[in-house]
Amino acid sequence: MAGGGGLKLLVGSAIRQGVTEARARIFGHQLNPSGQKSPHKILRQKLFGEKVAQWYPYDIKKDDPLVMARQEQERLSKLEMLKRRGKGPPKKGQGRRAAKRNK
């Protein structure tokens, strides 16, 4: 009696496994019978780098060397003004972290 039930379970599990394999083939899924973590979910996703890049408009200032030179000149003049007031960046090795370490 118990042998008949075992055969039924065996046939049922074989059918389920066959259906699972067929479903995976039809829908392009990856079979993972062991249930271990797999990167297939991430690899299956569409790439979205191009879409993110489209959110930001193209900056034409980067192409124009005159604009870049002017921005650099403004930066240097501002730095010079700060240095004259004593508010510029400290010399190498004279910053806050170095002062903290030497205490």
PDB file of N, CA and C in Angstrom:
ATOM      1  N   MET A   1       0.805  -1.208   0.000  1.00  0.00           N
ATOM      2  CA  MET A   1       0.000   0.000   0.000  1.00  0.00           C
ATOM      3  C   MET A   1       0.845   1.267   0.000  1.00  0.00           C
ATOM      4  N   ALA A   2       1.846   1.294   0.876  1.00  0.00           N
ATOM      5  CA  ALA A   2       2.681   2.489   0.972  1.00  0.00           C
ATOM      6  C   ALA A   2       3.511   2.664  -0.291  1.00  0.00           C
ATOM      7  N   GLY A   3       3.878   1.568  -0.973  1.00  0.00           N
ATOM      8  CA  GLY A   3       4.666   1.652  -2.188  1.00  0.00           C
ATOM      9  C   GLY A   3       3.915   2.368  -3.284  1.00  0.00           C
ATOM     10  N   GLY A   4       2.595   2.187  -3.387  1.00  0.00           N
ATOM     11  CA  GLY A   4       1.788   2.845  -4.415  1.00  0.00           C
ATOM     12  C   GLY A   4       1.761   4.347  -4.231  1.00  0.00           C
ATOM     13  N   GLY A   5       1.676   4.803  -2.972  1.00  0.00           N
ATOM     14  CA  GLY A   5       1.668   6.233  -2.690  1.00  0.00           C
ATOM     15  C   GLY A   5       3.005   6.877  -3.008  1.00  0.00           C
ATOM     16  N   GLY A   6       4.086   6.132  -2.763  1.00  0.00           N
ATOM     17  CA  GLY A   6       5.418   6.639  -3.054  1.00  0.00           C
ATOM     18  C   GLY A   6       5.619   6.844  -4.539  1.00  0.00           C
ATOM     19  N   LEU A   7       5.091   5.919  -5.327  1.00  0.00           N
ATOM     20  CA  LEU A   7       5.196   6.031  -6.782  1.00  0.00           C
ATOM     21  C   LEU A   7       4.433   7.244  -7.282  1.00  0.00           C
ATOM     22  N   LYS A   8       3.258   7.450  -6.678  1.00  0.00           N
ATOM     23  CA  LYS A   8       2.436   8.606  -7.055  1.00  0.00           C
ATOM     24  C   LYS A   8       3.186   9.920  -6.778  1.00  0.00           C
ATOM     25  N   LEU A   9       3.838   9.982  -5.596  1.00  0.00           N
ATOM     26  CA  LEU A   9       4.600  11.182  -5.235  1.00  0.00           C
ATOM     27  C   LEU A   9       5.780  11.379  -6.182  1.00  0.00           C
ATOM     28  N   LEU A  10       6.444  10.287  -6.530  1.00  0.00           N
ATOM     29  CA  LEU A  10       7.584  10.347  -7.427  1.00  0.00           C
ATOM     30  C   LEU A  10       7.183  10.869  -8.802  1.00  0.00           C
ATOM     31  N   VAL A  11       6.071  10.340  -9.319  1.00  0.00           N
ATOM     32  CA  VAL A  11       5.574  10.782 -10.627  1.00  0.00           C
ATOM     33  C   VAL A  11       5.144  12.249 -10.561  1.00  0.00           C
ATOM     34  N   GLY A  12       4.482  12.619  -9.459  1.00  0.00           N
ATOM     35  CA  GLY A  12       4.032  14.008  -9.293  1.00  0.00           C
ATOM     36  C   GLY A  12       5.199  14.979  -9.252  1.00  0.00           C
ATOM     37  N   SER A  13       6.267  14.617  -8.528  1.00  0.00           N
ATOM     38  CA  SER A  13       7.424  15.515  -8.446  1.00  0.00           C
ATOM     39  C   SER A  13       8.138  15.595  -9.791  1.00  0.00           C
ATOM     40  N   ALA A  14       8.180  14.485 -10.521  1.00  0.00           N
ATOM     41  CA  ALA A  14       8.810  14.496 -11.849  1.00  0.00           C
ATOM     42  C   ALA A  14       8.028  15.398 -12.798  1.00  0.00           C
ATOM     43  N   ILE A  15       6.697  15.324 -12.712  1.00  0.00           N
ATOM     44  CA  ILE A  15       5.855  16.187 -13.572  1.00  0.00           C
ATOM     45  C   ILE A  15       6.073  17.649 -13.212  1.00  0.00           C
ATOM     46  N   ARG A  16       6.103  17.935 -11.888  1.00  0.00           N
ATOM     47  CA  ARG A  16       6.332  19.327 -11.451  1.00  0.00           C
ATOM     48  C   ARG A  16       7.676  19.839 -11.943  1.00  0.00           C
ATOM     49  N   GLN A  17       8.700  19.004 -11.854  1.00  0.00           N
ATOM     50  CA  GLN A  17      10.028  19.407 -12.308  1.00  0.00           C
ATOM     51  C   GLN A  17      10.031  19.652 -13.811  1.00  0.00           C
ATOM     52  N   GLY A  18       9.358  18.799 -14.558  1.00  0.00           N
ATOM     53  CA  GLY A  18       9.265  18.976 -16.011  1.00  0.00           C
ATOM     54  C   GLY A  18       8.545  20.259 -16.364  1.00  0.00           C
ATOM     55  N   VAL A  19       7.459  20.541 -15.641  1.00  0.00           N
ATOM     56  CA  VAL A  19       6.698  21.776 -15.885  1.00  0.00           C
ATOM     57  C   VAL A  19       7.559  22.998 -15.553  1.00  0.00           C
ATOM     58  N   THR A  20       8.318  22.909 -14.457  1.00  0.00           N
ATOM     59  CA  THR A  20       9.181  24.024 -14.065  1.00  0.00           C
ATOM     60  C   THR A  20      10.248  24.275 -15.124  1.00  0.00           C
ATOM     61  N   GLU A  21      10.840  23.190 -15.634  1.00  0.00           N
ATOM     62  CA  GLU A  21      11.862  23.354 -16.673  1.00  0.00           C
ATOM     63  C   GLU A  21      11.271  23.928 -17.948  1.00  0.00           C
ATOM     64  N   ALA A  22      10.073  23.466 -18.316  1.00  0.00           N
ATOM     65  CA  ALA A  22       9.420  23.978 -19.522  1.00  0.00           C
ATOM     66  C   ALA A  22       9.090  25.459 -19.354  1.00  0.00           C
ATOM     67  N   ARG A  23       8.599  25.824 -18.174  1.00  0.00           N
ATOM     68  CA  ARG A  23       8.260  27.228 -17.907  1.00  0.00           C
ATOM     69  C   ARG A  23       9.512  28.093 -18.019  1.00  0.00           C
ATOM     70  N   ALA A  24      10.628  27.595 -17.485  1.00  0.00           N
ATOM     71  CA  ALA A  24      11.880  28.354 -17.536  1.00  0.00           C
ATOM     72  C   ALA A  24      12.328  28.537 -18.983  1.00  0.00           C
ATOM     73  N   ARG A  25      12.191  27.494 -19.802  1.00  0.00           N
ATOM     74  CA  ARG A  25      12.587  27.607 -21.208  1.00  0.00           C
ATOM     75  C   ARG A  25      11.687  28.586 -21.960  1.00  0.00           C
ATOM     76  N   ILE A  26      10.394  28.516 -21.693  1.00  0.00           N
ATOM     77  CA  ILE A  26       9.439  29.367 -22.413  1.00  0.00           C
ATOM     78  C   ILE A  26       9.650  30.837 -22.065  1.00  0.00           C
ATOM     79  N   PHE A  27       9.756  31.133 -20.781  1.00  0.00           N
ATOM     80  CA  PHE A  27       9.822  32.528 -20.345  1.00  0.00           C
ATOM     81  C   PHE A  27      11.249  33.045 -20.184  1.00  0.00           C
ATOM     82  N   GLY A  28      12.243  32.220 -20.485  1.00  0.00           N
ATOM     83  CA  GLY A  28      13.631  32.673 -20.426  1.00  0.00           C
ATOM     84  C   GLY A  28      14.148  32.864 -19.023  1.00  0.00           C
ATOM     85  N   HIS A  29      13.600  32.118 -18.053  1.00  0.00           N
ATOM     86  CA  HIS A  29      14.074  32.211 -16.685  1.00  0.00           C
ATOM     87  C   HIS A  29      15.260  31.285 -16.485  1.00  0.00           C
ATOM     88  N   GLN A  30      16.011  31.546 -15.418  1.00  0.00           N
ATOM     89  CA  GLN A  30      17.157  30.711 -15.083  1.00  0.00           C
ATOM     90  C   GLN A  30      16.729  29.745 -13.989  1.00  0.00           C
ATOM     91  N   LEU A  31      16.955  28.454 -14.175  1.00  0.00           N
ATOM     92  CA  LEU A  31      16.601  27.482 -13.149  1.00  0.00           C
ATOM     93  C   LEU A  31      17.609  27.551 -12.012  1.00  0.00           C
ATOM     94  N   ASN A  32      17.097  27.528 -10.800  1.00  0.00           N
ATOM     95  CA  ASN A  32      17.948  27.555  -9.617  1.00  0.00           C
ATOM     96  C   ASN A  32      17.371  26.596  -8.583  1.00  0.00           C
ATOM     97  N   PRO A  33      17.506  25.284  -8.803  1.00  0.00           N
ATOM     98  CA  PRO A  33      16.891  24.326  -7.884  1.00  0.00           C
ATOM     99  C   PRO A  33      17.507  24.329  -6.494  1.00  0.00           C
ATOM    100  N   SER A  34      18.782  24.731  -6.371  1.00  0.00           N
ATOM    101  CA  SER A  34      19.425  24.728  -5.056  1.00  0.00           C
ATOM    102  C   SER A  34      18.989  25.928  -4.221  1.00  0.00           C
ATOM    103  N   GLY A  35      18.477  26.970  -4.871  1.00  0.00           N
ATOM    104  CA  GLY A  35      17.995  28.148  -4.150  1.00  0.00           C
ATOM    105  C   GLY A  35      19.109  29.069  -3.693  1.00  0.00           C
ATOM    106  N   GLN A  36      20.327  28.914  -4.214  1.00  0.00           N
ATOM    107  CA  GLN A  36      21.427  29.787  -3.829  1.00  0.00           C
ATOM    108  C   GLN A  36      21.287  31.150  -4.501  1.00  0.00           C
ATOM    109  N   LYS A  37      21.905  32.167  -3.899  1.00  0.00           N
ATOM    110  CA  LYS A  37      21.864  33.511  -4.485  1.00  0.00           C
ATOM    111  C   LYS A  37      22.540  33.510  -5.844  1.00  0.00           C
ATOM    112  N   SER A  38      21.942  34.229  -6.775  1.00  0.00           N
ATOM    113  CA  SER A  38      22.471  34.240  -8.131  1.00  0.00           C
ATOM    114  C   SER A  38      22.370  35.656  -8.695  1.00  0.00           C
ATOM    115  N   PRO A  39      23.327  36.068  -9.528  1.00  0.00           N
ATOM    116  CA  PRO A  39      23.285  37.429 -10.084  1.00  0.00           C
ATOM    117  C   PRO A  39      22.380  37.571 -11.300  1.00  0.00           C
ATOM    118  N   HIS A  40      21.670  36.510 -11.686  1.00  0.00           N
ATOM    119  CA  HIS A  40      20.884  36.559 -12.918  1.00  0.00           C
ATOM    120  C   HIS A  40      19.800  37.632 -12.886  1.00  0.00           C
ATOM    121  N   LYS A  41      19.238  37.893 -11.718  1.00  0.00           N
ATOM    122  CA  LYS A  41      18.193  38.917 -11.609  1.00  0.00           C
ATOM    123  C   LYS A  41      18.749  40.292 -12.003  1.00  0.00           C
ATOM    124  N   ILE A  42      19.972  40.571 -11.562  1.00  0.00           N
ATOM    125  CA  ILE A  42      20.593  41.858 -11.867  1.00  0.00           C
ATOM    126  C   ILE A  42      21.021  41.904 -13.328  1.00  0.00           C
ATOM    127  N   LEU A  43      21.587  40.806 -13.812  1.00  0.00           N
ATOM    128  CA  LEU A  43      22.067  40.774 -15.197  1.00  0.00           C
ATOM    129  C   LEU A  43      20.923  40.859 -16.199  1.00  0.00           C
ATOM    130  N   ARG A  44      19.735  40.440 -15.800  1.00  0.00           N
ATOM    131  CA  ARG A  44      18.582  40.453 -16.691  1.00  0.00           C
ATOM    132  C   ARG A  44      18.018  41.866 -16.870  1.00  0.00           C
ATOM    133  N   GLN A  45      18.286  42.742 -15.914  1.00  0.00           N
ATOM    134  CA  GLN A  45      17.711  44.085 -15.964  1.00  0.00           C
ATOM    135  C   GLN A  45      18.269  44.884 -17.126  1.00  0.00           C
ATOM    136  N   LYS A  46      17.456  45.804 -17.631  1.00  0.00           N
ATOM    137  CA  LYS A  46      17.905  46.673 -18.718  1.00  0.00           C
ATOM    138  C   LYS A  46      18.919  47.675 -18.178  1.00  0.00           C
ATOM    139  N   LEU A  47      19.869  48.050 -19.005  1.00  0.00           N
ATOM    140  CA  LEU A  47      20.853  49.049 -18.611  1.00  0.00           C
ATOM    141  C   LEU A  47      20.207  50.430 -18.642  1.00  0.00           C
ATOM    142  N   PHE A  48      20.513  51.266 -17.672  1.00  0.00           N
ATOM    143  CA  PHE A  48      19.851  52.573 -17.599  1.00  0.00           C
ATOM    144  C   PHE A  48      20.826  53.733 -17.607  1.00  0.00           C
ATOM    145  N   GLY A  49      22.088  53.495 -17.960  1.00  0.00           N
ATOM    146  CA  GLY A  49      23.069  54.574 -17.974  1.00  0.00           C
ATOM    147  C   GLY A  49      22.757  55.646 -18.998  1.00  0.00           C
ATOM    148  N   GLU A  50      22.326  55.214 -20.190  1.00  0.00           N
ATOM    149  CA  GLU A  50      21.998  56.181 -21.250  1.00  0.00           C
ATOM    150  C   GLU A  50      20.830  57.065 -20.831  1.00  0.00           C
ATOM    151  N   LYS A  51      19.848  56.464 -20.177  1.00  0.00           N
ATOM    152  CA  LYS A  51      18.664  57.220 -19.759  1.00  0.00           C
ATOM    153  C   LYS A  51      19.047  58.268 -18.714  1.00  0.00           C
ATOM    154  N   VAL A  52      19.909  57.906 -17.796  1.00  0.00           N
ATOM    155  CA  VAL A  52      20.350  58.861 -16.775  1.00  0.00           C
ATOM    156  C   VAL A  52      21.141  59.988 -17.427  1.00  0.00           C
ATOM    157  N   ALA A  53      21.973  59.647 -18.396  1.00  0.00           N
ATOM    158  CA  ALA A  53      22.775  60.666 -19.081  1.00  0.00           C
ATOM    159  C   ALA A  53      21.882  61.651 -19.835  1.00  0.00           C
ATOM    160  N   GLN A  54      20.737  61.201 -20.310  1.00  0.00           N
ATOM    161  CA  GLN A  54      19.827  62.087 -21.045  1.00  0.00           C
ATOM    162  C   GLN A  54      19.145  63.095 -20.129  1.00  0.00           C
ATOM    163  N   TRP A  55      19.072  62.812 -18.820  1.00  0.00           N
ATOM    164  CA  TRP A  55      18.440  63.754 -17.897  1.00  0.00           C
ATOM    165  C   TRP A  55      19.202  65.062 -17.830  1.00  0.00           C
ATOM    166  N   TYR A  56      20.520  65.001 -18.013  1.00  0.00           N
ATOM    167  CA  TYR A  56      21.348  66.184 -17.853  1.00  0.00           C
ATOM    168  C   TYR A  56      21.660  66.799 -19.213  1.00  0.00           C
ATOM    169  N   PRO A  57      21.411  68.077 -19.368  1.00  0.00           N
ATOM    170  CA  PRO A  57      21.697  68.705 -20.666  1.00  0.00           C
ATOM    171  C   PRO A  57      23.196  68.761 -20.922  1.00  0.00           C
ATOM    172  N   TYR A  58      23.561  68.789 -22.187  1.00  0.00           N
ATOM    173  CA  TYR A  58      24.968  68.854 -22.575  1.00  0.00           C
ATOM    174  C   TYR A  58      25.516  70.234 -22.239  1.00  0.00           C
ATOM    175  N   ASP A  59      26.659  70.297 -21.589  1.00  0.00           N
ATOM    176  CA  ASP A  59      27.244  71.568 -21.170  1.00  0.00           C
ATOM    177  C   ASP A  59      28.208  72.047 -22.250  1.00  0.00           C
ATOM    178  N   ILE A  60      27.804  73.090 -22.987  1.00  0.00           N
ATOM    179  CA  ILE A  60      28.650  73.587 -24.075  1.00  0.00           C
ATOM    180  C   ILE A  60      29.828  74.392 -23.546  1.00  0.00           C
ATOM    181  N   LYS A  61      29.772  74.797 -22.271  1.00  0.00           N
ATOM    182  CA  LYS A  61      30.876  75.573 -21.699  1.00  0.00           C
ATOM    183  C   LYS A  61      32.167  74.758 -21.667  1.00  0.00           C
ATOM    184  N   LYS A  62      32.034  73.437 -21.533  1.00  0.00           N
ATOM    185  CA  LYS A  62      33.220  72.587 -21.450  1.00  0.00           C
ATOM    186  C   LYS A  62      33.982  72.546 -22.771  1.00  0.00           C
ATOM    187  N   ASP A  63      33.293  72.811 -23.885  1.00  0.00           N
ATOM    188  CA  ASP A  63      33.937  72.787 -25.193  1.00  0.00           C
ATOM    189  C   ASP A  63      34.689  74.083 -25.491  1.00  0.00           C
ATOM    190  N   ASP A  64      34.247  75.188 -24.913  1.00  0.00           N
ATOM    191  CA  ASP A  64      34.800  76.505 -25.245  1.00  0.00           C
ATOM    192  C   ASP A  64      36.006  76.807 -24.348  1.00  0.00           C
ATOM    193  N   PRO A  65      37.222  76.852 -24.906  1.00  0.00           N
ATOM    194  CA  PRO A  65      38.401  77.114 -24.064  1.00  0.00           C
ATOM    195  C   PRO A  65      38.404  78.521 -23.477  1.00  0.00           C
ATOM    196  N   LEU A  66      37.755  79.476 -24.142  1.00  0.00           N
ATOM    197  CA  LEU A  66      37.717  80.845 -23.612  1.00  0.00           C
ATOM    198  C   LEU A  66      36.914  80.901 -22.312  1.00  0.00           C
ATOM    199  N   VAL A  67      35.783  80.182 -22.279  1.00  0.00           N
ATOM    200  CA  VAL A  67      34.955  80.165 -21.069  1.00  0.00           C
ATOM    201  C   VAL A  67      35.707  79.481 -19.936  1.00  0.00           C
ATOM    202  N   MET A  68      36.366  78.375 -20.265  1.00  0.00           N
ATOM    203  CA  MET A  68      37.110  77.645 -19.230  1.00  0.00           C
ATOM    204  C   MET A  68      38.264  78.496 -18.693  1.00  0.00           C
ATOM    205  N   ALA A  69      38.960  79.210 -19.583  1.00  0.00           N
ATOM    206  CA  ALA A  69      40.065  80.063 -19.148  1.00  0.00           C
ATOM    207  C   ALA A  69      39.557  81.194 -18.251  1.00  0.00           C
ATOM    208  N   ARG A  70      38.400  81.751 -18.602  1.00  0.00           N
ATOM    209  CA  ARG A  70      37.829  82.835 -17.801  1.00  0.00           C
ATOM    210  C   ARG A  70      37.438  82.334 -16.413  1.00  0.00           C
ATOM    211  N   GLN A  71      36.836  81.138 -16.360  1.00  0.00           N
ATOM    212  CA  GLN A  71      36.463  80.582 -15.060  1.00  0.00           C
ATOM    213  C   GLN A  71      37.701  80.313 -14.204  1.00  0.00           C
ATOM    214  N   GLU A  72      38.751  79.816 -14.829  1.00  0.00           N
ATOM    215  CA  GLU A  72      39.996  79.559 -14.098  1.00  0.00           C
ATOM    216  C   GLU A  72      40.596  80.871 -13.594  1.00  0.00           C
ATOM    217  N   GLN A  73      40.526  81.924 -14.425  1.00  0.00           N
ATOM    218  CA  GLN A  73      41.039  83.237 -14.029  1.00  0.00           C
ATOM    219  C   GLN A  73      40.246  83.789 -12.851  1.00  0.00           C
ATOM    220  N   GLU A  74      38.923  83.619 -12.876  1.00  0.00           N
ATOM    221  CA  GLU A  74      38.086  84.069 -11.751  1.00  0.00           C
ATOM    222  C   GLU A  74      38.435  83.322 -10.477  1.00  0.00           C
ATOM    223  N   ARG A  75      38.664  82.022 -10.616  1.00  0.00           N
ATOM    224  CA  ARG A  75      39.007  81.204  -9.458  1.00  0.00           C
ATOM    225  C   ARG A  75      40.337  81.667  -8.848  1.00  0.00           C
ATOM    226  N   LEU A  76      41.328  81.922  -9.717  1.00  0.00           N
ATOM    227  CA  LEU A  76      42.636  82.357  -9.227  1.00  0.00           C
ATOM    228  C   LEU A  76      42.570  83.735  -8.578  1.00  0.00           C
ATOM    229  N   SER A  77      41.770  84.642  -9.159  1.00  0.00           N
ATOM    230  CA  SER A  77      41.667  85.990  -8.576  1.00  0.00           C
ATOM    231  C   SER A  77      40.969  85.942  -7.217  1.00  0.00           C
ATOM    232  N   LYS A  78      39.966  85.067  -7.095  1.00  0.00           N
ATOM    233  CA  LYS A  78      39.276  84.931  -5.813  1.00  0.00           C
ATOM    234  C   LYS A  78      40.232  84.348  -4.771  1.00  0.00           C
ATOM    235  N   LEU A  79      41.037  83.381  -5.170  1.00  0.00           N
ATOM    236  CA  LEU A  79      42.006  82.770  -4.271  1.00  0.00           C
ATOM    237  C   LEU A  79      43.043  83.805  -3.812  1.00  0.00           C
ATOM    238  N   GLU A  80      43.482  84.649  -4.756  1.00  0.00           N
ATOM    239  CA  GLU A  80      44.451  85.696  -4.430  1.00  0.00           C
ATOM    240  C   GLU A  80      43.857  86.683  -3.425  1.00  0.00           C
ATOM    241  N   MET A  81      42.585  87.052  -3.618  1.00  0.00           N
ATOM    242  CA  MET A  81      41.919  87.981  -2.705  1.00  0.00           C
ATOM    243  C   MET A  81      41.816  87.370  -1.307  1.00  0.00           C
ATOM    244  N   LEU A  82      41.495  86.077  -1.229  1.00  0.00           N
ATOM    245  CA  LEU A  82      41.399  85.407   0.061  1.00  0.00           C
ATOM    246  C   LEU A  82      42.774  85.346   0.746  1.00  0.00           C
ATOM    247  N   LYS A  83      43.810  85.094  -0.039  1.00  0.00           N
ATOM    248  CA  LYS A  83      45.168  85.027   0.528  1.00  0.00           C
ATOM    249  C   LYS A  83      45.578  86.368   1.110  1.00  0.00           C
ATOM    250  N   ARG A  84      45.221  87.464   0.417  1.00  0.00           N
ATOM    251  CA  ARG A  84      45.573  88.800   0.916  1.00  0.00           C
ATOM    252  C   ARG A  84      44.894  89.073   2.251  1.00  0.00           C
ATOM    253  N   ARG A  85      43.683  88.537   2.419  1.00  0.00           N
ATOM    254  CA  ARG A  85      42.952  88.727   3.676  1.00  0.00           C
ATOM    255  C   ARG A  85      43.359  87.709   4.733  1.00  0.00           C
ATOM    256  N   GLY A  86      44.223  86.767   4.358  1.00  0.00           N
ATOM    257  CA  GLY A  86      44.658  85.751   5.309  1.00  0.00           C
ATOM    258  C   GLY A  86      43.677  84.608   5.460  1.00  0.00           C
ATOM    259  N   LYS A  87      42.780  84.455   4.521  1.00  0.00           N
ATOM    260  CA  LYS A  87      41.749  83.414   4.597  1.00  0.00           C
ATOM    261  C   LYS A  87      41.976  82.290   3.586  1.00  0.00           C
ATOM    262  N   GLY A  88      43.106  82.284   2.890  1.00  0.00           N
ATOM    263  CA  GLY A  88      43.380  81.280   1.868  1.00  0.00           C
ATOM    264  C   GLY A  88      43.682  79.921   2.476  1.00  0.00           C
ATOM    265  N   PRO A  89      43.905  78.939   1.632  1.00  0.00           N
ATOM    266  CA  PRO A  89      44.214  77.602   2.143  1.00  0.00           C
ATOM    267  C   PRO A  89      45.595  77.591   2.798  1.00  0.00           C
ATOM    268  N   PRO A  90      45.769  76.785   3.852  1.00  0.00           N
ATOM    269  CA  PRO A  90      47.065  76.735   4.527  1.00  0.00           C
ATOM    270  C   PRO A  90      48.103  76.024   3.673  1.00  0.00           C
ATOM    271  N   LYS A  91      49.378  76.244   4.021  1.00  0.00           N
ATOM    272  CA  LYS A  91      50.445  75.540   3.322  1.00  0.00           C
ATOM    273  C   LYS A  91      50.346  74.059   3.637  1.00  0.00           C
ATOM    274  N   LYS A  92      50.995  73.262   2.800  1.00  0.00           N
ATOM    275  CA  LYS A  92      50.938  71.818   2.979  1.00  0.00           C
ATOM    276  C   LYS A  92      51.528  71.440   4.343  1.00  0.00           C
ATOM    277  N   GLY A  93      50.772  70.643   5.096  1.00  0.00           N
ATOM    278  CA  GLY A  93      51.238  70.203   6.406  1.00  0.00           C
ATOM    279  C   GLY A  93      50.944  71.184   7.524  1.00  0.00           C
ATOM    280  N   GLN A  94      50.264  72.284   7.230  1.00  0.00           N
ATOM    281  CA  GLN A  94      49.963  73.287   8.256  1.00  0.00           C
ATOM    282  C   GLN A  94      48.469  73.377   8.545  1.00  0.00           C
ATOM    283  N   GLY A  95      47.688  72.427   8.043  1.00  0.00           N
ATOM    284  CA  GLY A  95      46.229  72.488   8.181  1.00  0.00           C
ATOM    285  C   GLY A  95      45.748  72.074   9.547  1.00  0.00           C
ATOM    286  N   ARG A  96      44.442  71.961   9.671  1.00  0.00           N
ATOM    287  CA  ARG A  96      43.806  71.632  10.951  1.00  0.00           C
ATOM    288  C   ARG A  96      44.168  70.235  11.427  1.00  0.00           C
ATOM    289  N   ARG A  97      44.202  69.295  10.496  1.00  0.00           N
ATOM    290  CA  ARG A  97      44.512  67.920  10.884  1.00  0.00           C
ATOM    291  C   ARG A  97      45.938  67.800  11.401  1.00  0.00           C
ATOM    292  N   ALA A  98      46.857  68.507  10.745  1.00  0.00           N
ATOM    293  CA  ALA A  98      48.250  68.448  11.176  1.00  0.00           C
ATOM    294  C   ALA A  98      48.398  69.091  12.550  1.00  0.00           C
ATOM    295  N   ALA A  99      47.678  70.179  12.778  1.00  0.00           N
ATOM    296  CA  ALA A  99      47.738  70.850  14.074  1.00  0.00           C
ATOM    297  C   ALA A  99      47.166  69.952  15.163  1.00  0.00           C
ATOM    298  N   LYS A 100      46.124  69.198  14.842  1.00  0.00           N
ATOM    299  CA  LYS A 100      45.499  68.298  15.802  1.00  0.00           C
ATOM    300  C   LYS A 100      46.448  67.157  16.170  1.00  0.00           C
ATOM    301  N   ARG A 101      47.189  66.680  15.165  1.00  0.00           N
ATOM    302  CA  ARG A 101      48.098  65.542  15.374  1.00  0.00           C
ATOM    303  C   ARG A 101      49.273  65.951  16.247  1.00  0.00           C
ATOM    304  N   ASN A 102      49.742  67.201  16.128  1.00  0.00           N
ATOM    305  CA  ASN A 102      50.928  67.644  16.846  1.00  0.00           C
ATOM    306  C   ASN A 102      50.653  67.990  18.298  1.00  0.00           C
ATOM    307  N   LYS A 103      49.389  68.031  18.702  1.00  0.00           N
ATOM    308  CA  LYS A 103      49.053  68.381  20.098  1.00  0.00           C
ATOM    309  C   LYS A 103      49.420  67.276  21.035  1.00  0.00           C
TER     310      LYS A 103
END
